[in-house]
Amino acid sequence: MLDIENLGLLGVFIAGAIPWMEAIAVVPAGILVGLNPVATLVAAVVGNSMTIILFAYFASNIRERLIDRRIKQGKSADLPKLEKALKAFDKYGVYGLAVLGPILIGTQFAAAAAVTAGVKPLRASILIITSLTMWAIAIAIAMVAFEITI
C-alpha cells in the first residue's frame, strides 16, 4: 500500500529525472513539504542519475554517427560545429563542467555536452553524478541544519 510519503518520494524521483528539474531543486522541495531528507535525497539523485546516463550515451551515439558520416564523405573526423564546446573544455575542463553543470546548464545537458566534446560517456556520467550528489547532500544538510521548513 502506498502512503502519502511514498507517493511524495515517487514524485521526487520522477521530478529528478526531468531535465531542468534537477535533484538540487527537487531535494529542497521534498524536504520543505516534510519528506524524509535522506529518502528525498536518494530518490532525487537516483532519478536524476538515470537520465544523466541516458543523455550521455545518447550523445555518444550521435557523435559517433556524425564522425562516421564525415569519414564516409571523405572529410576529417573533426566536428567543426563542436569547436565552441571544445574551447570551453580547454578553458574549464570536464571537472569544471561537472561542478558547474548542475547549477548552470543542467546535469543532463552537461553530460551530453561533455560526451559530444569527446569525454567518454561513463566518465562524464560518473563525474556529473558525483558532483550532483555532493550538491544535493550540501543542500539537504543546510536545510536540515537551519531547520528550513514551510
C-alpha atoms as a PDB file:
ATOM      1  CA  MET A   1       0.000   0.000   0.000  1.00  0.00           C
ATOM      2  CA  LEU A   2       1.315   3.441  -0.932  1.00  0.00           C
ATOM      3  CA  ASP A   3       1.126   6.111   1.700  1.00  0.00           C
ATOM      4  CA  ILE A   4       1.431   9.841   1.082  1.00  0.00           C
ATOM      5  CA  GLU A   5       5.177   9.913   1.824  1.00  0.00           C
ATOM      6  CA  ASN A   6       5.899   7.122  -0.667  1.00  0.00           C
ATOM      7  CA  LEU A   7       3.873   8.961  -3.303  1.00  0.00           C
ATOM      8  CA  GLY A   8       5.850  12.094  -2.490  1.00  0.00           C
ATOM      9  CA  LEU A   9       9.132  10.212  -2.899  1.00  0.00           C
ATOM     10  CA  LEU A  10       7.903   8.802  -6.211  1.00  0.00           C
ATOM     11  CA  GLY A  11       7.178  12.372  -7.287  1.00  0.00           C
ATOM     12  CA  VAL A  12      10.683  13.428  -6.198  1.00  0.00           C
ATOM     13  CA  PHE A  13      12.173  10.530  -8.186  1.00  0.00           C
ATOM     14  CA  ILE A  14      10.211  11.437 -11.328  1.00  0.00           C
ATOM     15  CA  ALA A  15      10.890  15.168 -10.969  1.00  0.00           C
ATOM     16  CA  GLY A  16      14.600  14.476 -10.504  1.00  0.00           C
ATOM     17  CA  ALA A  17      14.611  12.607 -13.812  1.00  0.00           C
ATOM     18  CA  ILE A  18      13.089  15.515 -15.754  1.00  0.00           C
ATOM     19  CA  PRO A  19      15.677  17.746 -17.477  1.00  0.00           C
ATOM     20  CA  TRP A  20      15.923  21.159 -15.800  1.00  0.00           C
ATOM     21  CA  MET A  21      14.168  19.757 -12.709  1.00  0.00           C
ATOM     22  CA  GLU A  22      17.489  18.923 -11.139  1.00  0.00           C
ATOM     23  CA  ALA A  23      17.891  16.970  -7.935  1.00  0.00           C
ATOM     24  CA  ILE A  24      19.382  20.133  -6.435  1.00  0.00           C
ATOM     25  CA  ALA A  25      15.969  21.787  -6.907  1.00  0.00           C
ATOM     26  CA  VAL A  26      13.851  18.747  -6.067  1.00  0.00           C
ATOM     27  CA  VAL A  27      15.656  17.891  -2.810  1.00  0.00           C
ATOM     28  CA  PRO A  28      14.773  21.175  -1.087  1.00  0.00           C
ATOM     29  CA  ALA A  29      11.206  20.962  -2.384  1.00  0.00           C
ATOM     30  CA  GLY A  30      10.794  17.465  -0.946  1.00  0.00           C
ATOM     31  CA  ILE A  31      12.289  18.459   2.387  1.00  0.00           C
ATOM     32  CA  LEU A  32      10.100  21.580   2.514  1.00  0.00           C
ATOM     33  CA  VAL A  33       6.937  19.524   2.195  1.00  0.00           C
ATOM     34  CA  GLY A  34       8.057  17.271   5.027  1.00  0.00           C
ATOM     35  CA  LEU A  35       9.528  14.226   3.300  1.00  0.00           C
ATOM     36  CA  ASN A  36      12.371  12.347   4.965  1.00  0.00           C
ATOM     37  CA  PRO A  37      15.566  14.207   3.932  1.00  0.00           C
ATOM     38  CA  VAL A  38      17.659  11.070   3.314  1.00  0.00           C
ATOM     39  CA  ALA A  39      14.936   9.305   1.325  1.00  0.00           C
ATOM     40  CA  THR A  40      14.302  12.514  -0.627  1.00  0.00           C
ATOM     41  CA  LEU A  41      17.996  12.853  -1.424  1.00  0.00           C
ATOM     42  CA  VAL A  42      18.267   9.252  -2.614  1.00  0.00           C
ATOM     43  CA  ALA A  43      15.095   9.407  -4.737  1.00  0.00           C
ATOM     44  CA  ALA A  44      16.100  12.678  -6.409  1.00  0.00           C
ATOM     45  CA  VAL A  45      19.693  11.633  -7.105  1.00  0.00           C
ATOM     46  CA  VAL A  46      18.708   8.209  -8.479  1.00  0.00           C
ATOM     47  CA  GLY A  47      16.052   9.741 -10.746  1.00  0.00           C
ATOM     48  CA  ASN A  48      18.444  12.432 -11.957  1.00  0.00           C
ATOM     49  CA  SER A  49      21.288   9.930 -12.429  1.00  0.00           C
ATOM     50  CA  MET A  50      19.235   7.701 -14.698  1.00  0.00           C
ATOM     51  CA  THR A  51      18.650  10.492 -17.191  1.00  0.00           C
ATOM     52  CA  ILE A  52      22.263  11.711 -16.957  1.00  0.00           C
ATOM     53  CA  ILE A  53      23.404   8.270 -18.100  1.00  0.00           C
ATOM     54  CA  LEU A  54      20.800   8.179 -20.884  1.00  0.00           C
ATOM     55  CA  PHE A  55      21.787  11.636 -22.143  1.00  0.00           C
ATOM     56  CA  ALA A  56      25.499  10.749 -22.041  1.00  0.00           C
ATOM     57  CA  TYR A  57      25.096   7.546 -24.034  1.00  0.00           C
ATOM     58  CA  PHE A  58      22.618   9.128 -26.451  1.00  0.00           C
ATOM     59  CA  ALA A  59      25.091  11.965 -27.126  1.00  0.00           C
ATOM     60  CA  SER A  60      27.848   9.403 -27.656  1.00  0.00           C
ATOM     61  CA  ASN A  61      25.748   7.647 -30.281  1.00  0.00           C
ATOM     62  CA  ILE A  62      25.062  10.921 -32.114  1.00  0.00           C
ATOM     63  CA  ARG A  63      28.757  11.898 -32.028  1.00  0.00           C
ATOM     64  CA  GLU A  64      29.791   8.513 -33.465  1.00  0.00           C
ATOM     65  CA  ARG A  65      27.225   8.795 -36.282  1.00  0.00           C
ATOM     66  CA  LEU A  66      28.414  12.305 -37.191  1.00  0.00           C
ATOM     67  CA  ILE A  67      32.045  11.183 -37.299  1.00  0.00           C
ATOM     68  CA  ASP A  68      31.206   8.082 -39.375  1.00  0.00           C
ATOM     69  CA  ARG A  69      29.223  10.204 -41.834  1.00  0.00           C
ATOM     70  CA  ARG A  70      32.093  12.701 -42.217  1.00  0.00           C
ATOM     71  CA  ILE A  71      34.601   9.908 -42.805  1.00  0.00           C
ATOM     72  CA  LYS A  72      32.331   8.321 -45.453  1.00  0.00           C
ATOM     73  CA  GLN A  73      32.170  11.725 -47.165  1.00  0.00           C
ATOM     74  CA  GLY A  74      35.970  11.803 -47.275  1.00  0.00           C
ATOM     75  CA  LYS A  75      36.248  14.546 -44.666  1.00  0.00           C
ATOM     76  CA  SER A  76      38.245  14.594 -41.468  1.00  0.00           C
ATOM     77  CA  ALA A  77      36.707  13.159 -38.317  1.00  0.00           C
ATOM     78  CA  ASP A  78      36.872  16.603 -36.674  1.00  0.00           C
ATOM     79  CA  LEU A  79      33.491  18.166 -35.999  1.00  0.00           C
ATOM     80  CA  PRO A  80      33.793  21.911 -36.694  1.00  0.00           C
ATOM     81  CA  LYS A  81      30.474  22.718 -35.019  1.00  0.00           C
ATOM     82  CA  LEU A  82      31.916  21.457 -31.756  1.00  0.00           C
ATOM     83  CA  GLU A  83      34.769  23.970 -31.696  1.00  0.00           C
ATOM     84  CA  LYS A  84      32.935  26.181 -29.196  1.00  0.00           C
ATOM     85  CA  ALA A  85      32.331  23.257 -26.851  1.00  0.00           C
ATOM     86  CA  LEU A  86      35.938  22.144 -27.194  1.00  0.00           C
ATOM     87  CA  LYS A  87      37.188  25.654 -26.371  1.00  0.00           C
ATOM     88  CA  ALA A  88      35.038  25.653 -23.242  1.00  0.00           C
ATOM     89  CA  PHE A  89      36.541  22.313 -22.261  1.00  0.00           C
ATOM     90  CA  ASP A  90      40.028  23.658 -22.855  1.00  0.00           C
ATOM     91  CA  LYS A  91      39.244  26.557 -20.533  1.00  0.00           C
ATOM     92  CA  TYR A  92      37.227  24.853 -17.772  1.00  0.00           C
ATOM     93  CA  GLY A  93      37.729  21.134 -18.331  1.00  0.00           C
ATOM     94  CA  VAL A  94      35.298  18.356 -17.651  1.00  0.00           C
ATOM     95  CA  TYR A  95      35.702  18.883 -13.907  1.00  0.00           C
ATOM     96  CA  GLY A  96      34.559  22.488 -14.178  1.00  0.00           C
ATOM     97  CA  LEU A  97      31.586  21.355 -16.236  1.00  0.00           C
ATOM     98  CA  ALA A  98      30.786  18.642 -13.698  1.00  0.00           C
ATOM     99  CA  VAL A  99      30.872  21.090 -10.790  1.00  0.00           C
ATOM    100  CA  LEU A 100      29.028  23.945 -12.503  1.00  0.00           C
ATOM    101  CA  GLY A 101      26.726  21.897 -14.733  1.00  0.00           C
ATOM    102  CA  PRO A 102      24.064  21.219 -12.092  1.00  0.00           C
ATOM    103  CA  ILE A 103      23.579  24.929 -11.426  1.00  0.00           C
ATOM    104  CA  LEU A 104      24.292  26.432 -14.861  1.00  0.00           C
ATOM    105  CA  ILE A 105      23.001  24.231 -17.668  1.00  0.00           C
ATOM    106  CA  GLY A 106      21.524  21.173 -16.003  1.00  0.00           C
ATOM    107  CA  THR A 107      23.130  17.830 -15.385  1.00  0.00           C
ATOM    108  CA  GLN A 108      21.657  16.012 -18.373  1.00  0.00           C
ATOM    109  CA  PHE A 109      22.819  18.715 -20.764  1.00  0.00           C
ATOM    110  CA  ALA A 110      26.226  18.884 -19.081  1.00  0.00           C
ATOM    111  CA  ALA A 111      26.611  15.142 -19.660  1.00  0.00           C
ATOM    112  CA  ALA A 112      25.587  15.447 -23.307  1.00  0.00           C
ATOM    113  CA  ALA A 113      27.943  18.397 -23.835  1.00  0.00           C
ATOM    114  CA  ALA A 114      30.856  16.580 -22.210  1.00  0.00           C
ATOM    115  CA  VAL A 115      30.361  13.483 -24.342  1.00  0.00           C
ATOM    116  CA  THR A 116      29.856  15.485 -27.515  1.00  0.00           C
ATOM    117  CA  ALA A 117      33.171  17.207 -26.817  1.00  0.00           C
ATOM    118  CA  GLY A 118      34.916  13.843 -26.540  1.00  0.00           C
ATOM    119  CA  VAL A 119      34.644  12.676 -22.914  1.00  0.00           C
ATOM    120  CA  LYS A 120      33.709   9.000 -22.589  1.00  0.00           C
ATOM    121  CA  PRO A 121      30.044   8.556 -21.551  1.00  0.00           C
ATOM    122  CA  LEU A 122      30.857   6.542 -18.431  1.00  0.00           C
ATOM    123  CA  ARG A 123      33.431   9.075 -17.216  1.00  0.00           C
ATOM    124  CA  ALA A 124      31.129  12.034 -17.902  1.00  0.00           C
ATOM    125  CA  SER A 125      28.251  10.281 -16.122  1.00  0.00           C
ATOM    126  CA  ILE A 126      30.338   9.405 -13.056  1.00  0.00           C
ATOM    127  CA  LEU A 127      31.796  12.907 -12.734  1.00  0.00           C
ATOM    128  CA  ILE A 128      28.479  14.699 -13.145  1.00  0.00           C
ATOM    129  CA  ILE A 129      26.576  12.287 -10.884  1.00  0.00           C
ATOM    130  CA  THR A 130      29.281  12.701  -8.225  1.00  0.00           C
ATOM    131  CA  SER A 131      29.027  16.483  -8.452  1.00  0.00           C
ATOM    132  CA  LEU A 132      25.232  16.372  -8.410  1.00  0.00           C
ATOM    133  CA  THR A 133      25.274  14.139  -5.345  1.00  0.00           C
ATOM    134  CA  MET A 134      27.640  16.456  -3.481  1.00  0.00           C
ATOM    135  CA  TRP A 135      25.471  19.493  -4.333  1.00  0.00           C
ATOM    136  CA  ALA A 136      22.308  17.676  -3.231  1.00  0.00           C
ATOM    137  CA  ILE A 137      23.898  16.494   0.038  1.00  0.00           C
ATOM    138  CA  ALA A 138      25.118  20.022   0.815  1.00  0.00           C
ATOM    139  CA  ILE A 139      21.656  21.455   0.159  1.00  0.00           C
ATOM    140  CA  ALA A 140      19.947  18.773   2.257  1.00  0.00           C
ATOM    141  CA  ILE A 141      22.372  19.267   5.149  1.00  0.00           C
ATOM    142  CA  ALA A 142      21.894  23.035   5.022  1.00  0.00           C
ATOM    143  CA  MET A 143      18.121  22.702   5.033  1.00  0.00           C
ATOM    144  CA  VAL A 144      18.124  20.296   7.966  1.00  0.00           C
ATOM    145  CA  ALA A 145      20.791  22.230   9.913  1.00  0.00           C
ATOM    146  CA  PHE A 146      18.967  25.530   9.518  1.00  0.00           C
ATOM    147  CA  GLU A 147      15.577  23.861  10.042  1.00  0.00           C
ATOM    148  CA  ILE A 148      14.168  25.298   6.814  1.00  0.00           C
ATOM    149  CA  THR A 149      10.546  24.183   6.526  1.00  0.00           C
ATOM    150  CA  ILE A 150       7.175  25.516   5.498  1.00  0.00           C
END
